[in-house]
Amino acid sequence: MTTQPVQTAVATPSGREALLRRTLVGNTIFSEGLALMFGAGAIGGVIGITMLWPLVALGLVLVLFGAEVYAASRRPTLNRREVISIIALDAGWVVASAVLLVGGWLSLSGAGIWAVLLVADAVATFGLLQYLGLRRAQL
């Protein structure tokens, strides 16, 4: 008896779309909000936020965002508008982080300020790589 290879509906990252698909998957992993949802108390204590519900809500939003980014990365055909929306949301995160720090609305600890800066830097990097991947993919 011979077996036939199973064909998947998901394209293997290769060729022009490889950078974009891999960066989207990386963004998915980085956007994991479960730590914020279930570790809000510990994280809030370190970064200087005493109200926990905003961290839990942010964690939920990140889980939903990550799920959508992952779904976008696994589609057989990448959708240009969807990828542009993801890049725009990443850019919005970076701008919101800057406004948060400059506005001083939260009394973040030193670790909290560094955390916001480092996360914004990572998100900006994902946004840039997704943009470059989108251009390379020529969608």
N, C-alpha and C. Protein backbone atom coordinates (compact mmCIF):
# COMPACT_ATOMS: atom_id res chain seq x y z
N MET A 1 0.84 -1.16 0.00
CA MET A 1 0.00 0.00 0.00
C MET A 1 0.89 1.23 0.00
N THR A 2 0.62 2.17 -0.87
CA THR A 2 1.39 3.40 -0.92
C THR A 2 0.57 4.53 -0.30
N THR A 3 1.27 5.47 0.24
CA THR A 3 0.58 6.61 0.84
C THR A 3 0.83 7.85 0.00
N GLN A 4 -0.13 8.67 -0.03
CA GLN A 4 -0.04 9.94 -0.74
C GLN A 4 0.33 11.03 0.27
N PRO A 5 1.21 11.95 -0.09
CA PRO A 5 1.51 13.05 0.83
C PRO A 5 0.27 13.92 1.02
N VAL A 6 0.09 14.36 2.23
CA VAL A 6 -1.05 15.22 2.56
C VAL A 6 -0.71 16.64 2.16
N GLN A 7 -1.59 17.26 1.42
CA GLN A 7 -1.37 18.65 1.05
C GLN A 7 -2.11 19.54 2.03
N THR A 8 -1.42 20.56 2.49
CA THR A 8 -2.04 21.49 3.42
C THR A 8 -2.50 22.73 2.68
N ALA A 9 -3.43 23.41 3.29
CA ALA A 9 -3.94 24.64 2.70
C ALA A 9 -3.03 25.81 3.00
N VAL A 10 -2.06 25.62 3.89
CA VAL A 10 -1.17 26.70 4.28
C VAL A 10 0.10 26.64 3.44
N ALA A 11 0.42 27.76 2.87
CA ALA A 11 1.64 27.82 2.07
C ALA A 11 2.86 27.81 2.97
N THR A 12 3.88 27.07 2.58
CA THR A 12 5.13 27.06 3.32
C THR A 12 5.87 28.35 3.02
N PRO A 13 6.37 29.02 4.07
CA PRO A 13 7.07 30.28 3.81
C PRO A 13 8.30 30.06 2.93
N SER A 14 8.22 30.53 1.74
CA SER A 14 9.36 30.47 0.84
C SER A 14 9.16 31.54 -0.22
N GLY A 15 10.21 31.85 -0.90
CA GLY A 15 10.11 32.81 -1.98
C GLY A 15 9.83 34.21 -1.47
N ARG A 16 9.06 34.94 -2.23
CA ARG A 16 8.80 36.35 -1.95
C ARG A 16 8.00 36.60 -0.68
N GLU A 17 7.18 35.65 -0.27
CA GLU A 17 6.33 35.86 0.90
C GLU A 17 6.97 35.40 2.21
N ALA A 18 8.14 34.79 2.15
CA ALA A 18 8.75 34.18 3.34
C ALA A 18 8.97 35.19 4.47
N LEU A 19 9.58 36.32 4.15
CA LEU A 19 9.85 37.33 5.19
C LEU A 19 8.56 37.79 5.85
N LEU A 20 7.55 38.07 5.05
CA LEU A 20 6.28 38.55 5.59
C LEU A 20 5.61 37.50 6.46
N ARG A 21 5.52 36.28 5.97
CA ARG A 21 4.86 35.22 6.75
C ARG A 21 5.60 34.95 8.06
N ARG A 22 6.91 34.88 8.00
CA ARG A 22 7.69 34.61 9.22
C ARG A 22 7.59 35.76 10.21
N THR A 23 7.58 36.98 9.72
CA THR A 23 7.46 38.13 10.62
C THR A 23 6.08 38.17 11.25
N LEU A 24 5.05 37.84 10.50
CA LEU A 24 3.71 37.78 11.07
C LEU A 24 3.63 36.73 12.18
N VAL A 25 4.25 35.59 11.96
CA VAL A 25 4.26 34.56 13.01
C VAL A 25 5.03 35.05 14.23
N GLY A 26 6.15 35.72 14.00
CA GLY A 26 6.90 36.29 15.12
C GLY A 26 6.09 37.31 15.89
N ASN A 27 5.35 38.13 15.17
CA ASN A 27 4.47 39.12 15.80
C ASN A 27 3.41 38.42 16.64
N THR A 28 2.91 37.31 16.14
CA THR A 28 1.92 36.53 16.89
C THR A 28 2.49 36.07 18.22
N ILE A 29 3.68 35.52 18.18
CA ILE A 29 4.31 35.00 19.41
C ILE A 29 4.57 36.14 20.38
N PHE A 30 5.07 37.27 19.87
CA PHE A 30 5.38 38.41 20.73
C PHE A 30 4.11 39.04 21.30
N SER A 31 3.01 38.95 20.59
CA SER A 31 1.76 39.58 21.02
C SER A 31 0.98 38.74 22.03
N GLU A 32 1.58 37.70 22.54
CA GLU A 32 0.90 36.83 23.50
C GLU A 32 0.54 37.62 24.75
N GLY A 33 -0.74 37.74 25.04
CA GLY A 33 -1.21 38.52 26.16
C GLY A 33 -1.59 37.72 27.39
N LEU A 34 -1.39 36.41 27.33
CA LEU A 34 -1.78 35.58 28.48
C LEU A 34 -1.02 35.95 29.74
N ALA A 35 0.24 36.33 29.60
CA ALA A 35 1.03 36.73 30.77
C ALA A 35 0.39 37.94 31.45
N LEU A 36 -0.07 38.89 30.65
CA LEU A 36 -0.74 40.07 31.22
C LEU A 36 -2.07 39.70 31.86
N MET A 37 -2.80 38.79 31.23
CA MET A 37 -4.10 38.41 31.76
C MET A 37 -3.98 37.69 33.09
N PHE A 38 -3.03 36.77 33.19
CA PHE A 38 -2.95 35.93 34.38
C PHE A 38 -1.86 36.36 35.36
N GLY A 39 -0.98 37.25 34.92
CA GLY A 39 0.08 37.72 35.81
C GLY A 39 0.01 39.21 36.04
N ALA A 40 -1.18 39.78 35.92
CA ALA A 40 -1.34 41.23 36.04
C ALA A 40 -0.82 41.76 37.37
N GLY A 41 -1.06 41.03 38.44
CA GLY A 41 -0.62 41.49 39.76
C GLY A 41 0.89 41.62 39.84
N ALA A 42 1.59 40.58 39.43
CA ALA A 42 3.05 40.60 39.48
C ALA A 42 3.63 41.64 38.52
N ILE A 43 3.11 41.66 37.31
CA ILE A 43 3.61 42.61 36.30
C ILE A 43 3.31 44.04 36.73
N GLY A 44 2.08 44.28 37.20
CA GLY A 44 1.71 45.62 37.66
C GLY A 44 2.60 46.11 38.79
N GLY A 45 2.96 45.21 39.70
CA GLY A 45 3.84 45.59 40.80
C GLY A 45 5.21 46.03 40.32
N VAL A 46 5.72 45.36 39.31
CA VAL A 46 7.06 45.69 38.80
C VAL A 46 7.04 46.99 38.00
N ILE A 47 6.01 47.20 37.20
CA ILE A 47 6.01 48.38 36.33
C ILE A 47 5.33 49.60 36.95
N GLY A 48 4.73 49.41 38.13
CA GLY A 48 4.18 50.55 38.85
C GLY A 48 2.72 50.84 38.57
N ILE A 49 1.96 49.86 38.14
CA ILE A 49 0.52 50.05 37.90
C ILE A 49 -0.24 49.28 38.98
N THR A 50 -1.06 50.00 39.72
CA THR A 50 -1.78 49.36 40.82
C THR A 50 -3.15 48.82 40.40
N MET A 51 -3.80 49.49 39.44
CA MET A 51 -5.09 48.99 38.95
C MET A 51 -4.80 47.86 37.96
N LEU A 52 -5.35 46.69 38.24
CA LEU A 52 -5.01 45.52 37.43
C LEU A 52 -5.90 45.34 36.21
N TRP A 53 -7.14 45.83 36.25
CA TRP A 53 -8.05 45.56 35.14
C TRP A 53 -7.53 46.08 33.80
N PRO A 54 -6.81 47.24 33.74
CA PRO A 54 -6.30 47.64 32.42
C PRO A 54 -5.28 46.65 31.85
N LEU A 55 -4.48 46.04 32.73
CA LEU A 55 -3.51 45.05 32.25
C LEU A 55 -4.21 43.80 31.75
N VAL A 56 -5.24 43.37 32.47
CA VAL A 56 -6.01 42.19 32.05
C VAL A 56 -6.71 42.48 30.71
N ALA A 57 -7.30 43.66 30.58
CA ALA A 57 -7.97 44.03 29.33
C ALA A 57 -6.98 44.11 28.18
N LEU A 58 -5.82 44.70 28.43
CA LEU A 58 -4.78 44.77 27.40
C LEU A 58 -4.33 43.37 27.00
N GLY A 59 -4.20 42.49 27.97
CA GLY A 59 -3.83 41.11 27.67
C GLY A 59 -4.85 40.44 26.77
N LEU A 60 -6.13 40.66 27.04
CA LEU A 60 -7.19 40.08 26.20
C LEU A 60 -7.11 40.63 24.78
N VAL A 61 -6.91 41.94 24.65
CA VAL A 61 -6.80 42.55 23.33
C VAL A 61 -5.60 41.97 22.57
N LEU A 62 -4.49 41.77 23.28
CA LEU A 62 -3.30 41.20 22.64
C LEU A 62 -3.53 39.75 22.19
N VAL A 63 -4.26 38.98 22.98
CA VAL A 63 -4.57 37.61 22.58
C VAL A 63 -5.40 37.62 21.30
N LEU A 64 -6.40 38.49 21.23
CA LEU A 64 -7.24 38.58 20.03
C LEU A 64 -6.43 39.07 18.83
N PHE A 65 -5.58 40.07 19.05
CA PHE A 65 -4.72 40.59 17.98
C PHE A 65 -3.80 39.47 17.48
N GLY A 66 -3.17 38.77 18.41
CA GLY A 66 -2.26 37.69 18.04
C GLY A 66 -2.96 36.60 17.24
N ALA A 67 -4.18 36.27 17.63
CA ALA A 67 -4.94 35.25 16.90
C ALA A 67 -5.21 35.70 15.47
N GLU A 68 -5.56 36.96 15.30
CA GLU A 68 -5.83 37.47 13.96
C GLU A 68 -4.56 37.52 13.12
N VAL A 69 -3.46 37.94 13.71
CA VAL A 69 -2.19 37.99 12.97
C VAL A 69 -1.78 36.58 12.56
N TYR A 70 -1.95 35.62 13.46
CA TYR A 70 -1.60 34.24 13.12
C TYR A 70 -2.48 33.73 11.98
N ALA A 71 -3.78 34.01 12.07
CA ALA A 71 -4.69 33.58 11.00
C ALA A 71 -4.28 34.20 9.67
N ALA A 72 -3.90 35.47 9.70
CA ALA A 72 -3.47 36.14 8.47
C ALA A 72 -2.22 35.49 7.90
N SER A 73 -1.30 35.08 8.78
CA SER A 73 -0.04 34.49 8.33
C SER A 73 -0.23 33.11 7.73
N ARG A 74 -1.30 32.42 8.09
CA ARG A 74 -1.51 31.04 7.65
C ARG A 74 -2.44 30.93 6.45
N ARG A 75 -3.02 32.01 6.02
CA ARG A 75 -3.90 31.93 4.84
C ARG A 75 -3.08 31.54 3.61
N PRO A 76 -3.67 30.74 2.73
CA PRO A 76 -2.94 30.36 1.52
C PRO A 76 -2.52 31.56 0.69
N THR A 77 -3.38 32.57 0.66
CA THR A 77 -3.06 33.80 -0.06
C THR A 77 -3.12 34.95 0.93
N LEU A 78 -2.01 35.67 1.05
CA LEU A 78 -1.97 36.80 1.96
C LEU A 78 -2.84 37.93 1.42
N ASN A 79 -3.52 38.61 2.31
CA ASN A 79 -4.40 39.72 1.95
C ASN A 79 -3.68 41.04 2.22
N ARG A 80 -3.42 41.80 1.18
CA ARG A 80 -2.68 43.05 1.30
C ARG A 80 -3.32 44.01 2.31
N ARG A 81 -4.62 44.19 2.24
CA ARG A 81 -5.30 45.11 3.17
C ARG A 81 -5.18 44.65 4.61
N GLU A 82 -5.28 43.36 4.82
CA GLU A 82 -5.16 42.83 6.16
C GLU A 82 -3.75 43.07 6.72
N VAL A 83 -2.74 42.85 5.89
CA VAL A 83 -1.36 43.07 6.32
C VAL A 83 -1.13 44.55 6.60
N ILE A 84 -1.65 45.42 5.76
CA ILE A 84 -1.51 46.87 5.99
C ILE A 84 -2.20 47.26 7.30
N SER A 85 -3.34 46.65 7.58
CA SER A 85 -4.03 46.93 8.86
C SER A 85 -3.18 46.51 10.05
N ILE A 86 -2.52 45.37 9.95
CA ILE A 86 -1.66 44.90 11.03
C ILE A 86 -0.48 45.85 11.21
N ILE A 87 0.11 46.30 10.11
CA ILE A 87 1.22 47.25 10.19
C ILE A 87 0.74 48.56 10.82
N ALA A 88 -0.45 49.01 10.44
CA ALA A 88 -1.00 50.25 11.00
C ALA A 88 -1.27 50.11 12.50
N LEU A 89 -1.77 48.96 12.92
CA LEU A 89 -2.00 48.74 14.35
C LEU A 89 -0.68 48.72 15.12
N ASP A 90 0.35 48.13 14.53
CA ASP A 90 1.67 48.15 15.17
C ASP A 90 2.18 49.59 15.29
N ALA A 91 2.01 50.37 14.23
CA ALA A 91 2.43 51.78 14.28
C ALA A 91 1.64 52.54 15.33
N GLY A 92 0.35 52.24 15.43
CA GLY A 92 -0.49 52.88 16.44
C GLY A 92 -0.01 52.56 17.85
N TRP A 93 0.43 51.31 18.07
CA TRP A 93 0.96 50.91 19.37
C TRP A 93 2.19 51.75 19.73
N VAL A 94 3.08 51.93 18.75
CA VAL A 94 4.30 52.69 18.99
C VAL A 94 3.97 54.15 19.32
N VAL A 95 3.06 54.74 18.56
CA VAL A 95 2.66 56.13 18.82
C VAL A 95 2.00 56.24 20.19
N ALA A 96 1.10 55.31 20.50
CA ALA A 96 0.42 55.33 21.80
C ALA A 96 1.42 55.18 22.95
N SER A 97 2.44 54.37 22.76
CA SER A 97 3.48 54.21 23.78
C SER A 97 4.21 55.52 24.02
N ALA A 98 4.55 56.23 22.94
CA ALA A 98 5.23 57.51 23.07
C ALA A 98 4.33 58.53 23.77
N VAL A 99 3.07 58.58 23.39
CA VAL A 99 2.12 59.51 24.02
C VAL A 99 1.97 59.18 25.50
N LEU A 100 1.90 57.91 25.82
CA LEU A 100 1.77 57.47 27.21
C LEU A 100 2.97 57.95 28.04
N LEU A 101 4.16 57.79 27.50
CA LEU A 101 5.35 58.19 28.24
C LEU A 101 5.50 59.71 28.33
N VAL A 102 5.27 60.39 27.24
CA VAL A 102 5.41 61.85 27.23
C VAL A 102 4.31 62.51 28.05
N GLY A 103 3.10 61.98 27.96
CA GLY A 103 1.97 62.56 28.68
C GLY A 103 2.05 62.37 30.18
N GLY A 104 2.75 61.34 30.63
CA GLY A 104 2.91 61.11 32.06
C GLY A 104 1.62 60.78 32.78
N TRP A 105 0.66 60.17 32.11
CA TRP A 105 -0.63 59.86 32.74
C TRP A 105 -0.52 58.73 33.75
N LEU A 106 0.48 57.91 33.59
CA LEU A 106 0.70 56.82 34.53
C LEU A 106 1.99 57.08 35.29
N SER A 107 1.98 56.77 36.56
CA SER A 107 3.21 56.92 37.33
C SER A 107 3.95 55.58 37.29
N LEU A 108 4.58 55.34 36.15
CA LEU A 108 5.31 54.10 35.95
C LEU A 108 6.62 54.12 36.73
N SER A 109 7.04 52.95 37.15
CA SER A 109 8.35 52.82 37.78
C SER A 109 9.41 52.92 36.68
N GLY A 110 10.67 52.96 37.08
CA GLY A 110 11.74 52.95 36.10
C GLY A 110 11.66 51.72 35.21
N ALA A 111 11.36 50.58 35.83
CA ALA A 111 11.20 49.34 35.06
C ALA A 111 10.02 49.44 34.10
N GLY A 112 8.96 50.12 34.53
CA GLY A 112 7.79 50.29 33.68
C GLY A 112 8.10 51.14 32.46
N ILE A 113 8.86 52.21 32.67
CA ILE A 113 9.25 53.08 31.55
C ILE A 113 10.10 52.28 30.55
N TRP A 114 11.06 51.53 31.08
CA TRP A 114 11.90 50.71 30.20
C TRP A 114 11.07 49.65 29.48
N ALA A 115 10.12 49.07 30.17
CA ALA A 115 9.27 48.04 29.55
C ALA A 115 8.50 48.63 28.38
N VAL A 116 7.91 49.81 28.58
CA VAL A 116 7.15 50.46 27.50
C VAL A 116 8.07 50.76 26.32
N LEU A 117 9.28 51.27 26.61
CA LEU A 117 10.23 51.59 25.53
C LEU A 117 10.67 50.35 24.77
N LEU A 118 10.99 49.28 25.49
CA LEU A 118 11.47 48.06 24.83
C LEU A 118 10.38 47.38 24.02
N VAL A 119 9.16 47.36 24.55
CA VAL A 119 8.05 46.75 23.80
C VAL A 119 7.75 47.59 22.56
N ALA A 120 7.75 48.92 22.69
CA ALA A 120 7.51 49.77 21.53
C ALA A 120 8.58 49.56 20.47
N ASP A 121 9.83 49.39 20.90
CA ASP A 121 10.92 49.14 19.97
C ASP A 121 10.70 47.81 19.23
N ALA A 122 10.31 46.78 19.96
CA ALA A 122 10.06 45.48 19.33
C ALA A 122 8.89 45.56 18.35
N VAL A 123 7.83 46.25 18.75
CA VAL A 123 6.66 46.39 17.87
C VAL A 123 7.03 47.18 16.62
N ALA A 124 7.84 48.22 16.78
CA ALA A 124 8.29 49.00 15.61
C ALA A 124 9.11 48.12 14.68
N THR A 125 9.93 47.24 15.25
CA THR A 125 10.74 46.34 14.43
C THR A 125 9.84 45.38 13.65
N PHE A 126 8.82 44.82 14.32
CA PHE A 126 7.89 43.95 13.60
C PHE A 126 7.18 44.73 12.48
N GLY A 127 6.76 45.94 12.77
CA GLY A 127 6.09 46.75 11.76
C GLY A 127 6.97 47.00 10.55
N LEU A 128 8.24 47.33 10.81
CA LEU A 128 9.17 47.58 9.71
C LEU A 128 9.41 46.31 8.89
N LEU A 129 9.64 45.19 9.57
CA LEU A 129 9.87 43.93 8.85
C LEU A 129 8.63 43.50 8.06
N GLN A 130 7.45 43.74 8.61
CA GLN A 130 6.22 43.41 7.89
C GLN A 130 6.09 44.30 6.65
N TYR A 131 6.43 45.58 6.79
CA TYR A 131 6.39 46.49 5.64
C TYR A 131 7.36 46.02 4.55
N LEU A 132 8.58 45.70 4.97
CA LEU A 132 9.57 45.21 3.99
C LEU A 132 9.11 43.90 3.36
N GLY A 133 8.53 43.02 4.17
CA GLY A 133 8.03 41.76 3.64
C GLY A 133 6.87 41.96 2.68
N LEU A 134 6.02 42.93 2.97
CA LEU A 134 4.90 43.25 2.08
C LEU A 134 5.41 43.74 0.73
N ARG A 135 6.43 44.60 0.78
CA ARG A 135 7.01 45.10 -0.48
C ARG A 135 7.67 43.97 -1.27
N ARG A 136 8.37 43.10 -0.54
CA ARG A 136 9.04 41.99 -1.22
C ARG A 136 8.02 41.03 -1.83
N ALA A 137 6.94 40.80 -1.14
CA ALA A 137 5.91 39.88 -1.61
C ALA A 137 5.16 40.44 -2.82
N GLN A 138 5.21 41.73 -3.00
CA GLN A 138 4.54 42.41 -4.11
C GLN A 138 3.06 42.07 -4.17
N LEU A 139 2.41 42.20 -3.03
CA LEU A 139 0.96 41.92 -2.97
C LEU A 139 0.18 43.12 -3.50
